Amino acid sequence: VLGDSDAILKYIEEKFPDPPLLVEDATASEAIAPVFGGFAGFVKNKDTEKEEELKAAFETALEGLDAHLKEHGPYVCGEALSTLDFNLAPKLWHAKHALAHYKEYEFPERFDSVNKYMDTIFSSDVFKKTLYAPETVVWGWSKFFK
């Protein structure tokens, strides 16, 4: 029995090496790393004085991701899905729905590569088969607003 997600991914990669999913791409990892923290800080914030600062921090993370996708896309590591996409896509799904509900925030059009990425990955069969419904995402974040 494997309980660690990294061990599970390594096992799957060994048993089913084609297409390769595990990637070690420092540039891609750096591009996605600040996205969830920026989102979580923004969505959970209740201090109106910090709202713009936290929104700006999230949008700075999106700017970095957008620039990376413009240069390396359509997926995080190029032409094929990878574990980095499987890491990022659910976080963007949560950001899209939780921020729309709790902050009346929509991803700005200027992040065209991020928006295209979300449209592409959110419409893929592999993602649609594993996603939570938007109302479940909103419910999951509701504990921060009680």
N, C-alpha and C. Protein backbone atom coordinates (compact mmCIF):
# COMPACT_ATOMS: atom_id res chain seq x y z
N VAL A 1 0.85 -1.17 0.00
CA VAL A 1 0.00 0.00 0.00
C VAL A 1 0.89 1.24 0.00
N LEU A 2 0.57 2.16 -0.89
CA LEU A 2 1.29 3.42 -0.97
C LEU A 2 0.35 4.54 -0.51
N GLY A 3 0.78 5.29 0.48
CA GLY A 3 -0.07 6.35 1.01
C GLY A 3 0.39 7.75 0.64
N ASP A 4 1.60 7.88 0.18
CA ASP A 4 2.16 9.18 -0.17
C ASP A 4 1.93 9.46 -1.66
N SER A 5 1.43 10.63 -1.96
CA SER A 5 1.10 10.94 -3.35
C SER A 5 2.31 10.88 -4.27
N ASP A 6 3.48 11.32 -3.78
CA ASP A 6 4.69 11.23 -4.61
C ASP A 6 5.05 9.78 -4.90
N ALA A 7 4.92 8.92 -3.89
CA ALA A 7 5.22 7.49 -4.09
C ALA A 7 4.22 6.87 -5.08
N ILE A 8 2.98 7.28 -4.99
CA ILE A 8 1.96 6.77 -5.91
C ILE A 8 2.29 7.19 -7.34
N LEU A 9 2.65 8.46 -7.52
CA LEU A 9 2.99 8.94 -8.85
C LEU A 9 4.21 8.21 -9.42
N LYS A 10 5.21 7.97 -8.60
CA LYS A 10 6.40 7.25 -9.05
C LYS A 10 6.04 5.82 -9.45
N TYR A 11 5.17 5.19 -8.67
CA TYR A 11 4.73 3.83 -8.99
C TYR A 11 3.99 3.80 -10.33
N ILE A 12 3.07 4.73 -10.52
CA ILE A 12 2.32 4.81 -11.78
C ILE A 12 3.27 5.05 -12.95
N GLU A 13 4.21 5.94 -12.75
CA GLU A 13 5.18 6.25 -13.81
C GLU A 13 6.01 5.02 -14.18
N GLU A 14 6.38 4.22 -13.19
CA GLU A 14 7.15 3.00 -13.46
C GLU A 14 6.31 1.98 -14.21
N LYS A 15 5.06 1.83 -13.82
CA LYS A 15 4.19 0.82 -14.44
C LYS A 15 3.65 1.26 -15.79
N PHE A 16 3.42 2.55 -15.95
CA PHE A 16 2.83 3.09 -17.18
C PHE A 16 3.64 4.31 -17.63
N PRO A 17 4.81 4.07 -18.21
CA PRO A 17 5.71 5.19 -18.52
C PRO A 17 5.31 6.05 -19.71
N ASP A 18 4.33 5.62 -20.50
CA ASP A 18 3.96 6.39 -21.67
C ASP A 18 2.50 6.79 -21.61
N PRO A 19 2.14 8.02 -21.64
CA PRO A 19 3.01 9.18 -21.73
C PRO A 19 3.61 9.50 -20.36
N PRO A 20 4.81 10.05 -20.34
CA PRO A 20 5.41 10.41 -19.06
C PRO A 20 4.65 11.56 -18.40
N LEU A 21 4.35 11.39 -17.12
CA LEU A 21 3.60 12.43 -16.40
C LEU A 21 4.46 13.16 -15.37
N LEU A 22 5.39 12.44 -14.76
CA LEU A 22 6.26 13.08 -13.78
C LEU A 22 7.29 13.94 -14.49
N VAL A 23 7.37 15.16 -14.09
CA VAL A 23 8.35 16.05 -14.69
C VAL A 23 9.07 16.80 -13.58
N GLU A 24 10.30 17.11 -13.85
CA GLU A 24 11.06 17.96 -12.95
C GLU A 24 11.43 19.19 -13.76
N ASP A 25 10.65 20.21 -13.60
CA ASP A 25 10.82 21.44 -14.36
C ASP A 25 10.78 22.60 -13.36
N ALA A 26 11.94 23.06 -12.98
CA ALA A 26 12.02 24.11 -11.96
C ALA A 26 11.31 25.39 -12.38
N THR A 27 11.41 25.75 -13.65
CA THR A 27 10.77 26.97 -14.13
C THR A 27 9.25 26.86 -14.01
N ALA A 28 8.70 25.71 -14.42
CA ALA A 28 7.26 25.49 -14.32
C ALA A 28 6.82 25.45 -12.86
N SER A 29 7.59 24.76 -12.03
CA SER A 29 7.25 24.68 -10.60
C SER A 29 7.23 26.06 -9.96
N GLU A 30 8.19 26.89 -10.32
CA GLU A 30 8.25 28.25 -9.79
C GLU A 30 7.07 29.09 -10.27
N ALA A 31 6.61 28.84 -11.49
CA ALA A 31 5.49 29.60 -12.04
C ALA A 31 4.18 29.28 -11.34
N ILE A 32 4.00 28.02 -10.93
CA ILE A 32 2.72 27.64 -10.30
C ILE A 32 2.74 27.79 -8.78
N ALA A 33 3.93 27.80 -8.18
CA ALA A 33 4.05 27.78 -6.72
C ALA A 33 3.27 28.89 -6.00
N PRO A 34 3.33 30.14 -6.43
CA PRO A 34 2.66 31.19 -5.65
C PRO A 34 1.14 31.31 -5.88
N VAL A 35 0.60 30.56 -6.81
CA VAL A 35 -0.81 30.75 -7.18
C VAL A 35 -1.75 30.40 -6.03
N PHE A 36 -1.58 29.23 -5.43
CA PHE A 36 -2.53 28.82 -4.40
C PHE A 36 -2.41 29.71 -3.16
N GLY A 37 -1.20 30.03 -2.75
CA GLY A 37 -1.03 30.90 -1.58
C GLY A 37 -1.65 32.27 -1.80
N GLY A 38 -1.46 32.80 -3.01
CA GLY A 38 -2.07 34.09 -3.34
C GLY A 38 -3.58 34.03 -3.31
N PHE A 39 -4.12 32.96 -3.89
CA PHE A 39 -5.57 32.77 -3.89
C PHE A 39 -6.11 32.61 -2.47
N ALA A 40 -5.49 31.72 -1.70
CA ALA A 40 -5.99 31.44 -0.35
C ALA A 40 -5.95 32.69 0.53
N GLY A 41 -4.87 33.44 0.44
CA GLY A 41 -4.79 34.67 1.22
C GLY A 41 -5.88 35.66 0.85
N PHE A 42 -6.14 35.77 -0.42
CA PHE A 42 -7.17 36.70 -0.92
C PHE A 42 -8.56 36.24 -0.53
N VAL A 43 -8.88 34.98 -0.77
CA VAL A 43 -10.25 34.52 -0.53
C VAL A 43 -10.59 34.48 0.96
N LYS A 44 -9.64 34.15 1.81
CA LYS A 44 -9.93 34.02 3.25
C LYS A 44 -9.89 35.35 3.99
N ASN A 45 -9.41 36.39 3.34
CA ASN A 45 -9.27 37.68 4.00
C ASN A 45 -10.61 38.29 4.38
N LYS A 46 -10.68 38.78 5.62
CA LYS A 46 -11.87 39.49 6.09
C LYS A 46 -11.56 40.95 6.44
N ASP A 47 -10.29 41.32 6.33
CA ASP A 47 -9.84 42.68 6.68
C ASP A 47 -9.90 43.55 5.41
N THR A 48 -10.88 44.43 5.35
CA THR A 48 -11.06 45.25 4.15
C THR A 48 -9.84 46.12 3.85
N GLU A 49 -9.06 46.46 4.88
CA GLU A 49 -7.87 47.28 4.65
C GLU A 49 -6.78 46.51 3.90
N LYS A 50 -6.81 45.19 3.96
CA LYS A 50 -5.80 44.37 3.29
C LYS A 50 -6.30 43.80 1.95
N GLU A 51 -7.55 44.04 1.63
CA GLU A 51 -8.18 43.43 0.45
C GLU A 51 -7.41 43.72 -0.84
N GLU A 52 -7.10 44.96 -1.10
CA GLU A 52 -6.41 45.32 -2.35
C GLU A 52 -5.00 44.75 -2.39
N GLU A 53 -4.32 44.75 -1.26
CA GLU A 53 -2.97 44.19 -1.18
C GLU A 53 -2.98 42.69 -1.50
N LEU A 54 -3.94 41.98 -0.94
CA LEU A 54 -4.02 40.53 -1.16
C LEU A 54 -4.50 40.20 -2.58
N LYS A 55 -5.38 41.01 -3.10
CA LYS A 55 -5.80 40.86 -4.49
C LYS A 55 -4.60 41.08 -5.42
N ALA A 56 -3.80 42.09 -5.12
CA ALA A 56 -2.62 42.38 -5.94
C ALA A 56 -1.61 41.23 -5.86
N ALA A 57 -1.45 40.64 -4.68
CA ALA A 57 -0.52 39.52 -4.53
C ALA A 57 -1.00 38.33 -5.37
N PHE A 58 -2.29 38.07 -5.36
CA PHE A 58 -2.84 36.99 -6.19
C PHE A 58 -2.62 37.29 -7.67
N GLU A 59 -2.88 38.52 -8.07
CA GLU A 59 -2.72 38.88 -9.48
C GLU A 59 -1.25 38.89 -9.90
N THR A 60 -0.35 39.15 -8.98
CA THR A 60 1.08 39.02 -9.29
C THR A 60 1.42 37.56 -9.58
N ALA A 61 0.85 36.66 -8.79
CA ALA A 61 1.06 35.23 -9.04
C ALA A 61 0.48 34.85 -10.41
N LEU A 62 -0.69 35.38 -10.73
CA LEU A 62 -1.30 35.09 -12.04
C LEU A 62 -0.46 35.66 -13.18
N GLU A 63 0.13 36.83 -12.97
CA GLU A 63 1.00 37.42 -14.00
C GLU A 63 2.17 36.50 -14.32
N GLY A 64 2.79 35.95 -13.27
CA GLY A 64 3.90 35.03 -13.47
C GLY A 64 3.47 33.77 -14.20
N LEU A 65 2.32 33.24 -13.81
CA LEU A 65 1.80 32.05 -14.47
C LEU A 65 1.44 32.35 -15.92
N ASP A 66 0.82 33.49 -16.15
CA ASP A 66 0.43 33.88 -17.50
C ASP A 66 1.65 34.00 -18.41
N ALA A 67 2.70 34.64 -17.92
CA ALA A 67 3.93 34.79 -18.70
C ALA A 67 4.54 33.41 -19.00
N HIS A 68 4.52 32.53 -18.01
CA HIS A 68 5.06 31.18 -18.21
C HIS A 68 4.26 30.43 -19.29
N LEU A 69 2.94 30.49 -19.18
CA LEU A 69 2.09 29.78 -20.16
C LEU A 69 2.25 30.37 -21.57
N LYS A 70 2.41 31.67 -21.68
CA LYS A 70 2.63 32.30 -22.98
C LYS A 70 3.88 31.74 -23.65
N GLU A 71 4.93 31.57 -22.86
CA GLU A 71 6.21 31.11 -23.39
C GLU A 71 6.30 29.59 -23.54
N HIS A 72 5.66 28.85 -22.63
CA HIS A 72 5.87 27.40 -22.58
C HIS A 72 4.62 26.57 -22.83
N GLY A 73 3.45 27.19 -22.93
CA GLY A 73 2.17 26.48 -22.98
C GLY A 73 1.98 25.63 -24.21
N PRO A 74 0.84 25.06 -24.35
CA PRO A 74 -0.42 25.42 -23.70
C PRO A 74 -0.58 24.88 -22.28
N TYR A 75 0.18 23.82 -21.93
CA TYR A 75 0.13 23.30 -20.57
C TYR A 75 1.34 23.80 -19.81
N VAL A 76 1.40 23.53 -18.54
CA VAL A 76 2.46 24.07 -17.69
C VAL A 76 3.85 23.68 -18.19
N CYS A 77 3.98 22.45 -18.68
CA CYS A 77 5.29 21.98 -19.15
C CYS A 77 5.35 21.84 -20.66
N GLY A 78 4.45 22.50 -21.37
CA GLY A 78 4.53 22.46 -22.83
C GLY A 78 3.30 21.87 -23.48
N GLU A 79 3.54 20.95 -24.39
CA GLU A 79 2.47 20.41 -25.24
C GLU A 79 1.63 19.31 -24.59
N ALA A 80 2.13 18.71 -23.50
CA ALA A 80 1.42 17.57 -22.90
C ALA A 80 1.10 17.85 -21.43
N LEU A 81 0.00 17.25 -20.98
CA LEU A 81 -0.35 17.34 -19.57
C LEU A 81 0.73 16.67 -18.72
N SER A 82 0.91 17.18 -17.52
CA SER A 82 1.87 16.60 -16.59
C SER A 82 1.29 16.67 -15.18
N THR A 83 2.03 16.13 -14.24
CA THR A 83 1.58 16.18 -12.85
C THR A 83 1.47 17.63 -12.36
N LEU A 84 2.23 18.53 -12.95
CA LEU A 84 2.12 19.94 -12.54
C LEU A 84 0.76 20.51 -12.93
N ASP A 85 0.21 20.06 -14.06
CA ASP A 85 -1.15 20.48 -14.43
C ASP A 85 -2.17 19.87 -13.47
N PHE A 86 -1.94 18.61 -13.08
CA PHE A 86 -2.86 17.96 -12.15
C PHE A 86 -2.81 18.61 -10.78
N ASN A 87 -1.71 19.26 -10.48
CA ASN A 87 -1.57 20.01 -9.25
C ASN A 87 -2.25 21.37 -9.36
N LEU A 88 -2.03 22.06 -10.47
CA LEU A 88 -2.51 23.43 -10.64
C LEU A 88 -4.00 23.53 -10.96
N ALA A 89 -4.49 22.70 -11.84
CA ALA A 89 -5.87 22.85 -12.33
C ALA A 89 -6.92 22.87 -11.22
N PRO A 90 -6.88 21.95 -10.25
CA PRO A 90 -7.89 22.03 -9.18
C PRO A 90 -7.80 23.31 -8.36
N LYS A 91 -6.59 23.83 -8.21
CA LYS A 91 -6.43 25.07 -7.46
C LYS A 91 -7.06 26.23 -8.21
N LEU A 92 -6.88 26.25 -9.51
CA LEU A 92 -7.52 27.30 -10.31
C LEU A 92 -9.04 27.14 -10.32
N TRP A 93 -9.52 25.90 -10.32
CA TRP A 93 -10.96 25.63 -10.26
C TRP A 93 -11.53 26.20 -8.95
N HIS A 94 -10.83 25.94 -7.84
CA HIS A 94 -11.26 26.49 -6.56
C HIS A 94 -11.21 28.02 -6.60
N ALA A 95 -10.12 28.56 -7.12
CA ALA A 95 -10.00 30.01 -7.18
C ALA A 95 -11.12 30.63 -8.00
N LYS A 96 -11.40 30.05 -9.15
CA LYS A 96 -12.45 30.60 -10.03
C LYS A 96 -13.78 30.67 -9.30
N HIS A 97 -14.18 29.59 -8.64
CA HIS A 97 -15.52 29.53 -8.06
C HIS A 97 -15.60 30.18 -6.68
N ALA A 98 -14.60 29.99 -5.85
CA ALA A 98 -14.64 30.61 -4.52
C ALA A 98 -14.52 32.12 -4.61
N LEU A 99 -13.62 32.61 -5.47
CA LEU A 99 -13.47 34.06 -5.59
C LEU A 99 -14.69 34.70 -6.23
N ALA A 100 -15.30 34.05 -7.19
CA ALA A 100 -16.52 34.60 -7.79
C ALA A 100 -17.62 34.72 -6.74
N HIS A 101 -17.72 33.71 -5.89
CA HIS A 101 -18.79 33.72 -4.89
C HIS A 101 -18.51 34.67 -3.73
N TYR A 102 -17.31 34.59 -3.16
CA TYR A 102 -17.03 35.34 -1.94
C TYR A 102 -16.47 36.74 -2.16
N LYS A 103 -15.87 36.97 -3.32
CA LYS A 103 -15.25 38.27 -3.57
C LYS A 103 -15.80 38.97 -4.82
N GLU A 104 -16.76 38.34 -5.49
CA GLU A 104 -17.29 38.86 -6.75
C GLU A 104 -16.15 39.17 -7.71
N TYR A 105 -15.19 38.26 -7.76
CA TYR A 105 -13.98 38.43 -8.55
C TYR A 105 -14.00 37.49 -9.75
N GLU A 106 -13.70 38.03 -10.88
CA GLU A 106 -13.53 37.26 -12.11
C GLU A 106 -12.08 37.42 -12.57
N PHE A 107 -11.52 36.37 -13.11
CA PHE A 107 -10.15 36.46 -13.61
C PHE A 107 -10.10 37.52 -14.72
N PRO A 108 -9.22 38.51 -14.58
CA PRO A 108 -9.15 39.57 -15.59
C PRO A 108 -8.76 39.05 -16.97
N GLU A 109 -9.32 39.69 -17.99
CA GLU A 109 -9.04 39.29 -19.38
C GLU A 109 -7.56 39.41 -19.72
N ARG A 110 -6.84 40.30 -19.04
CA ARG A 110 -5.43 40.49 -19.37
C ARG A 110 -4.60 39.22 -19.15
N PHE A 111 -5.12 38.29 -18.35
CA PHE A 111 -4.44 37.01 -18.15
C PHE A 111 -4.95 36.02 -19.19
N ASP A 112 -4.75 36.38 -20.46
CA ASP A 112 -5.33 35.60 -21.54
C ASP A 112 -4.79 34.17 -21.59
N SER A 113 -3.53 33.96 -21.28
CA SER A 113 -2.99 32.60 -21.31
C SER A 113 -3.54 31.76 -20.16
N VAL A 114 -3.71 32.36 -19.00
CA VAL A 114 -4.31 31.65 -17.87
C VAL A 114 -5.76 31.32 -18.18
N ASN A 115 -6.50 32.27 -18.73
CA ASN A 115 -7.90 32.01 -19.06
C ASN A 115 -8.03 30.93 -20.13
N LYS A 116 -7.18 30.96 -21.13
CA LYS A 116 -7.21 29.92 -22.16
C LYS A 116 -6.85 28.56 -21.55
N TYR A 117 -5.85 28.54 -20.70
CA TYR A 117 -5.45 27.31 -20.01
C TYR A 117 -6.63 26.74 -19.23
N MET A 118 -7.31 27.60 -18.46
CA MET A 118 -8.45 27.13 -17.67
C MET A 118 -9.56 26.61 -18.58
N ASP A 119 -9.86 27.32 -19.65
CA ASP A 119 -10.89 26.85 -20.58
C ASP A 119 -10.53 25.47 -21.14
N THR A 120 -9.27 25.30 -21.51
CA THR A 120 -8.82 24.04 -22.10
C THR A 120 -8.86 22.91 -21.09
N ILE A 121 -8.27 23.12 -19.95
CA ILE A 121 -8.16 22.02 -18.99
C ILE A 121 -9.49 21.73 -18.31
N PHE A 122 -10.29 22.76 -18.06
CA PHE A 122 -11.58 22.53 -17.42
C PHE A 122 -12.56 21.80 -18.35
N SER A 123 -12.33 21.87 -19.64
CA SER A 123 -13.21 21.17 -20.57
C SER A 123 -12.69 19.78 -20.95
N SER A 124 -11.52 19.40 -20.43
CA SER A 124 -10.97 18.09 -20.76
C SER A 124 -11.72 16.99 -20.01
N ASP A 125 -11.84 15.84 -20.65
CA ASP A 125 -12.54 14.72 -20.03
C ASP A 125 -11.91 14.31 -18.71
N VAL A 126 -10.59 14.28 -18.66
CA VAL A 126 -9.91 13.85 -17.43
C VAL A 126 -10.24 14.78 -16.27
N PHE A 127 -10.35 16.06 -16.52
CA PHE A 127 -10.68 17.00 -15.46
C PHE A 127 -12.17 16.91 -15.10
N LYS A 128 -13.03 16.87 -16.10
CA LYS A 128 -14.48 16.83 -15.83
C LYS A 128 -14.88 15.61 -15.02
N LYS A 129 -14.14 14.52 -15.17
CA LYS A 129 -14.47 13.29 -14.43
C LYS A 129 -14.04 13.35 -12.97
N THR A 130 -13.25 14.33 -12.60
CA THR A 130 -12.72 14.37 -11.24
C THR A 130 -13.03 15.64 -10.47
N LEU A 131 -13.72 16.58 -11.06
CA LEU A 131 -13.93 17.86 -10.39
C LEU A 131 -15.07 17.83 -9.38
N TYR A 132 -14.99 18.75 -8.45
CA TYR A 132 -16.11 19.02 -7.55
C TYR A 132 -17.01 20.03 -8.23
N ALA A 133 -18.31 19.91 -8.00
CA ALA A 133 -19.24 20.90 -8.53
C ALA A 133 -18.93 22.26 -7.91
N PRO A 134 -19.18 23.35 -8.65
CA PRO A 134 -18.88 24.68 -8.11
C PRO A 134 -19.50 24.93 -6.73
N GLU A 135 -20.73 24.47 -6.51
CA GLU A 135 -21.35 24.70 -5.20
C GLU A 135 -20.64 23.95 -4.08
N THR A 136 -20.01 22.83 -4.40
CA THR A 136 -19.23 22.10 -3.40
C THR A 136 -17.95 22.86 -3.07
N VAL A 137 -17.35 23.46 -4.07
CA VAL A 137 -16.15 24.28 -3.84
C VAL A 137 -16.51 25.45 -2.93
N VAL A 138 -17.59 26.13 -3.24
CA VAL A 138 -18.03 27.28 -2.43
C VAL A 138 -18.31 26.82 -1.00
N TRP A 139 -19.00 25.72 -0.84
CA TRP A 139 -19.29 25.18 0.49
C TRP A 139 -18.00 24.88 1.24
N GLY A 140 -17.02 24.31 0.57
CA GLY A 140 -15.75 23.97 1.20
C GLY A 140 -15.01 25.17 1.76
N TRP A 141 -15.15 26.29 1.12
CA TRP A 141 -14.48 27.51 1.60
C TRP A 141 -15.34 28.29 2.59
N SER A 142 -16.58 27.88 2.78
CA SER A 142 -17.51 28.63 3.65
C SER A 142 -17.06 28.67 5.11
N LYS A 143 -16.27 27.69 5.53
CA LYS A 143 -15.84 27.66 6.94
C LYS A 143 -15.02 28.90 7.31
N PHE A 144 -14.46 29.57 6.31
CA PHE A 144 -13.67 30.77 6.59
C PHE A 144 -14.53 32.02 6.71
N PHE A 145 -15.84 31.86 6.53
CA PHE A 145 -16.73 33.03 6.54
C PHE A 145 -17.81 32.92 7.61
N LYS A 146 -17.61 32.05 8.55
CA LYS A 146 -18.62 31.88 9.62
C LYS A 146 -18.24 32.66 10.84
